[in-house]
C-alpha atoms as a PDB file:
ATOM      1  CA  MET A   1      15.790 -24.797   6.242  1.00  0.00           C
ATOM      2  CA  ARG A   2      15.114 -21.230   5.043  1.00  0.00           C
ATOM      3  CA  HIS A   3      16.048 -19.285   7.897  1.00  0.00           C
ATOM      4  CA  SER A   4      16.105 -16.503   6.020  1.00  0.00           C
ATOM      5  CA  HIS A   5      12.357 -15.762   6.412  1.00  0.00           C
ATOM      6  CA  GLU A   6      12.912 -15.375  10.135  1.00  0.00           C
ATOM      7  CA  THR A   7      14.216 -11.555   9.121  1.00  0.00           C
ATOM      8  CA  MET A   8      10.730 -10.986   7.445  1.00  0.00           C
ATOM      9  CA  MET A   9       8.254 -10.931   9.943  1.00  0.00           C
ATOM     10  CA  LEU A  10       5.899  -8.007   9.610  1.00  0.00           C
ATOM     11  CA  LYS A  11       6.549  -4.651  11.398  1.00  0.00           C
ATOM     12  CA  PRO A  12       3.947  -2.266  12.797  1.00  0.00           C
ATOM     13  CA  ILE A  13       4.182   1.267  11.394  1.00  0.00           C
ATOM     14  CA  GLU A  14       6.223   3.347  13.815  1.00  0.00           C
ATOM     15  CA  ALA A  15       6.560   6.774  12.470  1.00  0.00           C
ATOM     16  CA  PRO A  16       6.453   9.786  14.158  1.00  0.00           C
ATOM     17  CA  ALA A  17       3.299  12.485  13.923  1.00  0.00           C
ATOM     18  CA  ARG A  18       4.676  15.038  11.787  1.00  0.00           C
ATOM     19  CA  ASP A  19       2.661  18.665  10.083  1.00  0.00           C
ATOM     20  CA  PRO A  20       0.594  17.724   7.006  1.00  0.00           C
ATOM     21  CA  VAL A  21       2.703  18.800   3.865  1.00  0.00           C
ATOM     22  CA  ALA A  22       1.228  21.734   2.582  1.00  0.00           C
ATOM     23  CA  VAL A  23       0.551  21.042  -1.263  1.00  0.00           C
ATOM     24  CA  LYS A  24       0.159  24.195  -3.289  1.00  0.00           C
ATOM     25  CA  VAL A  25      -1.408  22.983  -6.679  1.00  0.00           C
ATOM     26  CA  GLY A  26       0.938  22.952  -9.449  1.00  0.00           C
ATOM     27  CA  ASP A  27       3.069  25.715  -7.677  1.00  0.00           C
ATOM     28  CA  GLY A  28       0.652  28.456  -9.242  1.00  0.00           C
ATOM     29  CA  LEU A  29       1.144  26.844 -12.572  1.00  0.00           C
ATOM     30  CA  PRO A  30      -1.755  27.857 -15.223  1.00  0.00           C
ATOM     31  CA  LEU A  31      -4.559  25.516 -15.409  1.00  0.00           C
ATOM     32  CA  LEU A  32      -4.396  24.719 -18.987  1.00  0.00           C
ATOM     33  CA  GLN A  33      -0.430  23.619 -17.856  1.00  0.00           C
ATOM     34  CA  LEU A  34      -1.677  21.444 -15.031  1.00  0.00           C
ATOM     35  CA  ILE A  35      -4.145  19.416 -17.112  1.00  0.00           C
ATOM     36  CA  ARG A  36      -1.411  18.770 -19.823  1.00  0.00           C
ATOM     37  CA  GLU A  37       0.493  17.114 -17.452  1.00  0.00           C
ATOM     38  CA  ASP A  38      -1.799  14.925 -16.181  1.00  0.00           C
ATOM     39  CA  ILE A  39      -2.325  14.328 -19.745  1.00  0.00           C
ATOM     40  CA  GLY A  40       0.885  13.148 -20.462  1.00  0.00           C
ATOM     41  CA  CYS A  41       2.173  11.445 -17.513  1.00  0.00           C
ATOM     42  CA  VAL A  42      -0.135   8.575 -18.130  1.00  0.00           C
ATOM     43  CA  ARG A  43       2.219   7.593 -20.643  1.00  0.00           C
ATOM     44  CA  LEU A  44       4.695   6.987 -18.353  1.00  0.00           C
ATOM     45  CA  ARG A  45       2.998   4.929 -16.139  1.00  0.00           C
ATOM     46  CA  ASP A  46       0.647   2.725 -18.582  1.00  0.00           C
ATOM     47  CA  PRO A  47       1.634   0.771 -21.379  1.00  0.00           C
ATOM     48  CA  ALA A  48      -1.614   1.086 -22.985  1.00  0.00           C
ATOM     49  CA  ALA A  49      -1.660   4.787 -23.730  1.00  0.00           C
ATOM     50  CA  ARG A  50      -0.678   5.253 -27.237  1.00  0.00           C
ATOM     51  CA  GLY A  51      -1.076   9.098 -27.635  1.00  0.00           C
ATOM     52  CA  GLU A  52      -2.388  11.939 -25.636  1.00  0.00           C
ATOM     53  CA  LEU A  53      -5.812  12.769 -28.411  1.00  0.00           C
ATOM     54  CA  GLU A  54      -6.743   9.023 -27.035  1.00  0.00           C
ATOM     55  CA  THR A  55      -5.387   9.105 -23.180  1.00  0.00           C
ATOM     56  CA  LEU A  56      -8.144  12.817 -23.115  1.00  0.00           C
ATOM     57  CA  LEU A  57     -10.921  11.277 -25.076  1.00  0.00           C
ATOM     58  CA  THR A  58     -11.188   7.514 -23.540  1.00  0.00           C
ATOM     59  CA  TYR A  59      -9.301   7.592 -20.164  1.00  0.00           C
ATOM     60  CA  PRO A  60     -12.321   8.492 -17.149  1.00  0.00           C
ATOM     61  CA  GLY A  61      -9.306   8.943 -14.398  1.00  0.00           C
ATOM     62  CA  VAL A  62      -8.130  11.580 -16.622  1.00  0.00           C
ATOM     63  CA  HIS A  63     -11.560  13.096 -17.314  1.00  0.00           C
ATOM     64  CA  ALA A  64     -12.242  13.232 -13.620  1.00  0.00           C
ATOM     65  CA  VAL A  65      -9.085  15.224 -12.480  1.00  0.00           C
ATOM     66  CA  ILE A  66      -9.672  17.567 -15.452  1.00  0.00           C
ATOM     67  CA  TRP A  67     -13.198  18.112 -14.027  1.00  0.00           C
ATOM     68  CA  HIS A  68     -11.401  18.491 -10.526  1.00  0.00           C
ATOM     69  CA  ARG A  69      -9.023  21.012 -11.195  1.00  0.00           C
ATOM     70  CA  LEU A  70     -11.822  23.220 -12.626  1.00  0.00           C
ATOM     71  CA  ALA A  71     -13.948  22.467  -9.941  1.00  0.00           C
ATOM     72  CA  HIS A  72     -11.085  22.878  -7.281  1.00  0.00           C
ATOM     73  CA  SER A  73     -10.245  26.442  -9.111  1.00  0.00           C
ATOM     74  CA  ALA A  74     -14.165  27.685  -8.693  1.00  0.00           C
ATOM     75  CA  TRP A  75     -13.838  26.530  -4.963  1.00  0.00           C
ATOM     76  CA  GLN A  76     -10.691  28.372  -4.564  1.00  0.00           C
ATOM     77  CA  ALA A  77     -12.810  31.700  -5.611  1.00  0.00           C
ATOM     78  CA  GLY A  78     -15.746  31.014  -3.846  1.00  0.00           C
ATOM     79  CA  TRP A  79     -17.580  29.407  -5.681  1.00  0.00           C
ATOM     80  CA  ARG A  80     -18.826  26.381  -3.700  1.00  0.00           C
ATOM     81  CA  PHE A  81     -22.012  25.877  -5.148  1.00  0.00           C
ATOM     82  CA  PRO A  82     -20.849  26.036  -8.918  1.00  0.00           C
ATOM     83  CA  ALA A  83     -17.284  24.016  -7.516  1.00  0.00           C
ATOM     84  CA  ARG A  84     -20.311  21.071  -6.048  1.00  0.00           C
ATOM     85  CA  LEU A  85     -22.215  21.187  -8.903  1.00  0.00           C
ATOM     86  CA  LEU A  86     -19.000  20.231 -11.195  1.00  0.00           C
ATOM     87  CA  SER A  87     -18.330  17.631  -9.221  1.00  0.00           C
ATOM     88  CA  TRP A  88     -21.312  16.159  -8.843  1.00  0.00           C
ATOM     89  CA  LEU A  89     -21.320  15.996 -12.739  1.00  0.00           C
ATOM     90  CA  SER A  90     -17.809  14.501 -12.977  1.00  0.00           C
ATOM     91  CA  ARG A  91     -18.682  11.841 -10.764  1.00  0.00           C
ATOM     92  CA  PHE A  92     -21.727  11.244 -13.007  1.00  0.00           C
ATOM     93  CA  LEU A  93     -19.885  10.886 -15.780  1.00  0.00           C
ATOM     94  CA  THR A  94     -17.020   9.100 -14.412  1.00  0.00           C
ATOM     95  CA  ASN A  95     -17.648   7.149 -11.372  1.00  0.00           C
ATOM     96  CA  VAL A  96     -14.902   8.995  -9.448  1.00  0.00           C
ATOM     97  CA  ASP A  97     -15.754  11.411  -6.352  1.00  0.00           C
ATOM     98  CA  ILE A  98     -13.461  14.180  -5.838  1.00  0.00           C
ATOM     99  CA  HIS A  99     -14.324  16.747  -3.329  1.00  0.00           C
ATOM    100  CA  PRO A 100     -13.958  20.230  -4.850  1.00  0.00           C
ATOM    101  CA  GLY A 101     -11.720  21.120  -1.912  1.00  0.00           C
ATOM    102  CA  ALA A 102      -9.068  18.749  -1.942  1.00  0.00           C
ATOM    103  CA  THR A 103      -5.177  19.527  -2.834  1.00  0.00           C
ATOM    104  CA  ILE A 104      -4.033  17.902  -5.959  1.00  0.00           C
ATOM    105  CA  GLY A 105      -0.303  18.862  -6.751  1.00  0.00           C
ATOM    106  CA  ARG A 106       1.132  17.775 -10.604  1.00  0.00           C
ATOM    107  CA  ARG A 107       0.660  14.733 -12.634  1.00  0.00           C
ATOM    108  CA  PHE A 108      -1.962  13.020 -10.994  1.00  0.00           C
ATOM    109  CA  PHE A 109      -2.736   9.972 -12.534  1.00  0.00           C
ATOM    110  CA  ILE A 110      -6.465   7.467 -11.080  1.00  0.00           C
ATOM    111  CA  ASP A 111      -5.533   4.587 -13.341  1.00  0.00           C
ATOM    112  CA  HIS A 112      -8.800   2.578 -14.733  1.00  0.00           C
ATOM    113  CA  GLY A 113     -10.830   5.615 -12.818  1.00  0.00           C
ATOM    114  CA  ALA A 114     -13.804   3.944 -11.093  1.00  0.00           C
ATOM    115  CA  GLY A 115     -15.122   4.028  -7.345  1.00  0.00           C
ATOM    116  CA  VAL A 116     -12.655   6.253  -6.064  1.00  0.00           C
ATOM    117  CA  VAL A 117     -13.562   8.662  -3.300  1.00  0.00           C
ATOM    118  CA  ILE A 118     -11.611  11.727  -2.163  1.00  0.00           C
ATOM    119  CA  GLY A 119     -12.260  14.021   0.816  1.00  0.00           C
ATOM    120  CA  GLU A 120     -12.842  17.413   0.926  1.00  0.00           C
ATOM    121  CA  THR A 121      -9.337  18.015   3.631  1.00  0.00           C
ATOM    122  CA  THR A 122      -7.245  15.549   1.248  1.00  0.00           C
ATOM    123  CA  GLN A 123      -3.905  16.810  -0.064  1.00  0.00           C
ATOM    124  CA  ILE A 124      -1.975  15.093  -2.698  1.00  0.00           C
ATOM    125  CA  GLY A 125       1.412  15.643  -3.843  1.00  0.00           C
ATOM    126  CA  ASP A 126       3.082  15.447  -6.874  1.00  0.00           C
ATOM    127  CA  ASP A 127       3.564  12.170  -9.314  1.00  0.00           C
ATOM    128  CA  VAL A 128       0.664  10.655  -6.985  1.00  0.00           C
ATOM    129  CA  THR A 129      -1.018   7.010  -8.809  1.00  0.00           C
ATOM    130  CA  ILE A 130      -3.816   5.378  -7.135  1.00  0.00           C
ATOM    131  CA  TYR A 131      -6.267   2.583  -8.595  1.00  0.00           C
ATOM    132  CA  HIS A 132      -9.384   1.880  -8.989  1.00  0.00           C
ATOM    133  CA  GLY A 133     -11.620   1.453  -5.943  1.00  0.00           C
ATOM    134  CA  VAL A 134      -9.537   3.981  -3.681  1.00  0.00           C
ATOM    135  CA  THR A 135     -10.696   5.786  -0.871  1.00  0.00           C
ATOM    136  CA  LEU A 136      -8.833   8.725   0.884  1.00  0.00           C
ATOM    137  CA  GLY A 137     -11.856   9.233   3.928  1.00  0.00           C
ATOM    138  CA  GLY A 138     -12.178  10.864   7.199  1.00  0.00           C
ATOM    139  CA  THR A 139     -13.097   9.490  10.756  1.00  0.00           C
ATOM    140  CA  THR A 140     -14.201  12.250  12.672  1.00  0.00           C
ATOM    141  CA  TRP A 141     -17.537  14.829  12.218  1.00  0.00           C
ATOM    142  CA  SER A 142     -14.850  17.535  13.361  1.00  0.00           C
ATOM    143  CA  PRO A 143     -14.206  20.343  11.206  1.00  0.00           C
ATOM    144  CA  GLY A 144     -10.697  20.704   9.978  1.00  0.00           C
ATOM    145  CA  LYS A 145      -8.104  18.372   8.542  1.00  0.00           C
ATOM    146  CA  ARG A 146      -9.878  14.223   8.723  1.00  0.00           C
ATOM    147  CA  HIS A 147      -8.344  13.605   5.366  1.00  0.00           C
ATOM    148  CA  PRO A 148      -5.248  11.933   4.529  1.00  0.00           C
ATOM    149  CA  THR A 149      -2.276  13.696   2.981  1.00  0.00           C
ATOM    150  CA  LEU A 150      -0.293  11.445   0.569  1.00  0.00           C
ATOM    151  CA  GLU A 151       3.343  12.916  -0.144  1.00  0.00           C
ATOM    152  CA  ASP A 152       4.867  13.342  -3.765  1.00  0.00           C
ATOM    153  CA  GLY A 153       5.140   9.359  -5.768  1.00  0.00           C
ATOM    154  CA  VAL A 154       2.698   7.626  -3.707  1.00  0.00           C
ATOM    155  CA  VAL A 155       1.445   5.031  -5.389  1.00  0.00           C
ATOM    156  CA  ALA A 156      -1.895   3.279  -3.607  1.00  0.00           C
ATOM    157  CA  GLY A 157      -2.783   0.088  -5.048  1.00  0.00           C
ATOM    158  CA  THR A 158      -6.329  -1.497  -6.278  1.00  0.00           C
ATOM    159  CA  GLY A 159      -8.838  -0.974  -3.248  1.00  0.00           C
ATOM    160  CA  ALA A 160      -6.849   0.734  -0.466  1.00  0.00           C
ATOM    161  CA  THR A 161      -8.406   2.440   2.055  1.00  0.00           C
ATOM    162  CA  ILE A 162      -6.712   5.103   3.919  1.00  0.00           C
ATOM    163  CA  LEU A 163      -8.431   7.107   6.724  1.00  0.00           C
ATOM    164  CA  GLY A 164      -8.029  10.108   9.188  1.00  0.00           C
ATOM    165  CA  PRO A 165      -5.433  13.099   9.095  1.00  0.00           C
ATOM    166  CA  ILE A 166      -2.547  10.951   8.437  1.00  0.00           C
ATOM    167  CA  THR A 167       0.374  11.518   6.416  1.00  0.00           C
ATOM    168  CA  ILE A 168       1.768   8.532   3.632  1.00  0.00           C
ATOM    169  CA  GLY A 169       5.462   9.149   3.574  1.00  0.00           C
ATOM    170  CA  ARG A 170       6.910  10.265   0.202  1.00  0.00           C
ATOM    171  CA  GLY A 171       7.416   7.557  -2.410  1.00  0.00           C
ATOM    172  CA  THR A 172       5.371   4.925  -0.228  1.00  0.00           C
ATOM    173  CA  ARG A 173       3.454   2.063  -2.084  1.00  0.00           C
ATOM    174  CA  VAL A 174       0.307   0.782   0.151  1.00  0.00           C
ATOM    175  CA  GLY A 175      -0.947  -2.555  -1.554  1.00  0.00           C
ATOM    176  CA  ALA A 176      -4.047  -3.275  -2.865  1.00  0.00           C
ATOM    177  CA  ASN A 177      -7.064  -3.991  -0.416  1.00  0.00           C
ATOM    178  CA  SER A 178      -4.936  -2.815   2.438  1.00  0.00           C
ATOM    179  CA  VAL A 179      -6.279  -0.348   5.527  1.00  0.00           C
ATOM    180  CA  VAL A 180      -4.260   2.564   6.220  1.00  0.00           C
ATOM    181  CA  VAL A 181      -4.504   4.379   9.884  1.00  0.00           C
ATOM    182  CA  LYS A 182      -1.340   5.888  11.092  1.00  0.00           C
ATOM    183  CA  ASN A 183       1.464   7.536   9.463  1.00  0.00           C
ATOM    184  CA  THR A 184       3.618   6.133   7.252  1.00  0.00           C
ATOM    185  CA  PRO A 185       7.721   6.367   6.872  1.00  0.00           C
ATOM    186  CA  PRO A 186       8.641   7.421   3.377  1.00  0.00           C
ATOM    187  CA  ASP A 187       9.715   4.762   1.145  1.00  0.00           C
ATOM    188  CA  VAL A 188       8.500   1.721   1.770  1.00  0.00           C
ATOM    189  CA  THR A 189       5.862  -0.688   1.068  1.00  0.00           C
ATOM    190  CA  VAL A 190       2.850  -1.537   3.527  1.00  0.00           C
ATOM    191  CA  VAL A 191       0.360  -4.054   3.368  1.00  0.00           C
ATOM    192  CA  GLY A 192      -2.792  -5.373   5.409  1.00  0.00           C
ATOM    193  CA  ILE A 193      -5.590  -4.389   7.830  1.00  0.00           C
ATOM    194  CA  PRO A 194      -4.064  -2.581   9.664  1.00  0.00           C
ATOM    195  CA  ALA A 195      -1.023  -2.048   6.843  1.00  0.00           C
ATOM    196  CA  LYS A 196       2.196  -2.615   8.423  1.00  0.00           C
ATOM    197  CA  VAL A 197       5.317  -2.012   7.091  1.00  0.00           C
ATOM    198  CA  VAL A 198       6.698  -5.274   4.884  1.00  0.00           C
ATOM    199  CA  GLN A 199       9.590  -3.852   2.552  1.00  0.00           C
ATOM    200  CA  PRO A 200      11.645  -1.262   3.512  1.00  0.00           C
ATOM    201  CA  GLU A 201      13.518   1.237   0.433  1.00  0.00           C
ATOM    202  CA  SER A 202      16.497  -1.155   0.160  1.00  0.00           C
ATOM    203  CA  GLY A 203      14.184  -4.024  -0.669  1.00  0.00           C
ATOM    204  CA  ARG A 204      12.781  -2.578  -3.534  1.00  0.00           C
ATOM    205  CA  ARG A 205      14.035  -1.716  -6.878  1.00  0.00           C
ATOM    206  CA  MET A 206      14.983   1.408  -7.698  1.00  0.00           C
ATOM    207  CA  LEU A 207      14.115   3.107 -11.116  1.00  0.00           C
ATOM    208  CA  ALA A 208      15.601   6.272 -12.543  1.00  0.00           C
ATOM    209  CA  GLY A 209      13.253   8.937 -13.132  1.00  0.00           C
ATOM    210  CA  ARG A 210       9.928   6.475 -12.513  1.00  0.00           C
ATOM    211  CA  ILE A 211       7.854   5.497 -10.677  1.00  0.00           C
ATOM    212  CA  ASP A 212       7.706   1.881  -9.409  1.00  0.00           C
ATOM    213  CA  LEU A 213       4.685   0.003 -10.928  1.00  0.00           C
ATOM    214  CA  ASP A 214       5.832  -3.441 -10.586  1.00  0.00           C
ATOM    215  CA  HIS A 215       2.962  -4.749  -8.392  1.00  0.00           C
ATOM    216  CA  HIS A 216       3.674  -8.697  -8.654  1.00  0.00           C
ATOM    217  CA  ARG A 217       6.795  -8.244  -6.632  1.00  0.00           C
ATOM    218  CA  MET A 218       4.826  -6.794  -3.593  1.00  0.00           C
ATOM    219  CA  PRO A 219       5.800  -9.110  -0.830  1.00  0.00           C
ATOM    220  CA  ASP A 220       3.239 -11.984   1.029  1.00  0.00           C
ATOM    221  CA  PRO A 221       3.775 -11.352   4.815  1.00  0.00           C
ATOM    222  CA  VAL A 222       1.210 -14.207   5.567  1.00  0.00           C
ATOM    223  CA  GLY A 223       3.371 -16.863   3.188  1.00  0.00           C
ATOM    224  CA  GLU A 224       6.534 -15.783   4.782  1.00  0.00           C
ATOM    225  CA  ALA A 225       4.901 -15.913   8.397  1.00  0.00           C
ATOM    226  CA  ILE A 226       3.956 -19.512   7.758  1.00  0.00           C
ATOM    227  CA  ALA A 227       7.074 -20.323   6.321  1.00  0.00           C
ATOM    228  CA  VAL A 228       8.847 -19.582   9.930  1.00  0.00           C
ATOM    229  CA  MET A 229       6.351 -21.598  11.300  1.00  0.00           C
ATOM    230  CA  MET A 230       7.320 -24.399   9.391  1.00  0.00           C
ATOM    231  CA  ASP A 231      10.826 -24.177   9.543  1.00  0.00           C
ATOM    232  CA  ARG A 232       9.940 -24.156  13.450  1.00  0.00           C
ATOM    233  CA  ILE A 233       7.772 -27.376  13.254  1.00  0.00           C
ATOM    234  CA  GLU A 234      10.387 -29.132  10.700  1.00  0.00           C
ATOM    235  CA  PHE A 235      13.186 -28.612  13.657  1.00  0.00           C
ATOM    236  CA  LEU A 236      10.982 -29.308  16.507  1.00  0.00           C
ATOM    237  CA  GLU A 237      10.304 -32.439  14.575  1.00  0.00           C
ATOM    238  CA  ALA A 238      13.718 -33.222  13.859  1.00  0.00           C
ATOM    239  CA  ARG A 239      14.869 -32.944  17.748  1.00  0.00           C
ATOM    240  CA  LEU A 240      11.915 -34.865  19.201  1.00  0.00           C
ATOM    241  CA  ALA A 241      12.622 -37.700  16.338  1.00  0.00           C
ATOM    242  CA  HIS A 242      16.489 -37.695  18.327  1.00  0.00           C
ATOM    243  CA  LEU A 243      15.448 -37.786  21.776  1.00  0.00           C
ATOM    244  CA  GLN A 244      12.712 -40.804  21.452  1.00  0.00           C
ATOM    245  CA  LYS A 245      15.961 -42.267  19.899  1.00  0.00           C
ATOM    246  CA  ARG A 246      17.962 -41.755  22.469  1.00  0.00           C
ATOM    247  CA  LEU A 247      15.333 -42.614  24.694  1.00  0.00           C
ATOM    248  CA  ARG A 248      14.665 -46.247  23.083  1.00  0.00           C
ATOM    249  CA  GLY A 249      18.359 -47.210  23.280  1.00  0.00           C
ATOM    250  CA  ALA A 250      18.660 -46.192  27.112  1.00  0.00           C
ATOM    251  CA  PRO A 251      18.777 -48.716  29.654  1.00  0.00           C
ATOM    252  CA  ARG A 252      16.401 -49.397  31.905  1.00  0.00           C
ATOM    253  CA  PRO A 253      16.494 -49.730  35.521  1.00  0.00           C
ATOM    254  CA  GLY A 254      18.372 -53.125  36.307  1.00  0.00           C
ATOM    255  CA  GLU A 255      18.834 -53.569  32.839  1.00  0.00           C
ATOM    256  CA  HIS A 256      22.624 -54.597  31.170  1.00  0.00           C
ATOM    257  CA  HIS A 257      23.514 -52.094  28.571  1.00  0.00           C
ATOM    258  CA  GLU A 258      24.145 -54.197  25.741  1.00  0.00           C
ATOM    259  CA  ASP A 259      20.348 -55.526  26.166  1.00  0.00           C
ATOM    260  CA  ALA A 260      18.972 -51.896  25.778  1.00  0.00           C
ATOM    261  CA  ILE A 261      20.996 -51.626  22.223  1.00  0.00           C
ATOM    262  CA  THR A 262      19.056 -54.922  21.478  1.00  0.00           C
ATOM    263  CA  ARG A 263      15.748 -53.693  22.359  1.00  0.00           C
ATOM    264  CA  GLY A 264      16.059 -50.143  20.845  1.00  0.00           C
ATOM    265  CA  ALA A 265      17.633 -51.740  17.549  1.00  0.00           C
ATOM    266  CA  PHE A 266      14.263 -54.306  17.243  1.00  0.00           C
ATOM    267  CA  GLY A 267      11.948 -50.868  18.030  1.00  0.00           C
ATOM    268  CA  ALA A 268      10.780 -52.297  21.570  1.00  0.00           C
ATOM    269  CA  LYS A 269       8.510 -49.264  23.153  1.00  0.00           C
ATOM    270  CA  PRO A 270      10.040 -48.517  26.939  1.00  0.00           C
ATOM    271  CA  MET A 271       8.194 -49.267  29.737  1.00  0.00           C
END
């Protein structure tokens, strides 16, 4: 029996509330340098990227980030309407909706950029990667911080939804189609609806200087829970069979032990 599965049960997300990380766009770097870093990081995270020129011309996720850099600069300068207009044009051309007020750090990559939504008060750190269909949304009509904060090195899988003014810890991986509504600790993998921690840092591959994008190693919490149940059922069935065998061989009131052994050997049902 696979008793090791018993240690892999789902763990609820238990991360202490903490102040959102203040993300500064590029730490004051020139806009052109930020864009060059956005283009250069693609080859490190997408084997299909063959060169910077091809990336610049053919990657809608890169286009969306460039448009956002421009719109965000206008937003910070107080030109709100031009910023919103640039944001609308970016959505029209790339199918990626990033509010110009969102704060995005260095080397941000949207792979297969399509259907991504990033809200106004979202804060994204450095070296963050998100895939198509990701939503970083709010959960309240109240003004102020109402969208998530993604710390450095976060990876959000396809279709992941992260809602509210929560913080996704540094280096955390969010599984595809997961819904995260609570703070997460750093360096974990979270999956499910609502998302739960299924793999700590000790169980992940460590890649020196690179982001772990090996998504096929994502744990299967449902399969693991079913495996634990099957192990338990197998144990209970074996125990029940043993008890039945002992009952068939037990003497009845007024019956000799030899007769009970004979009855059990021939499979007679106890009265």
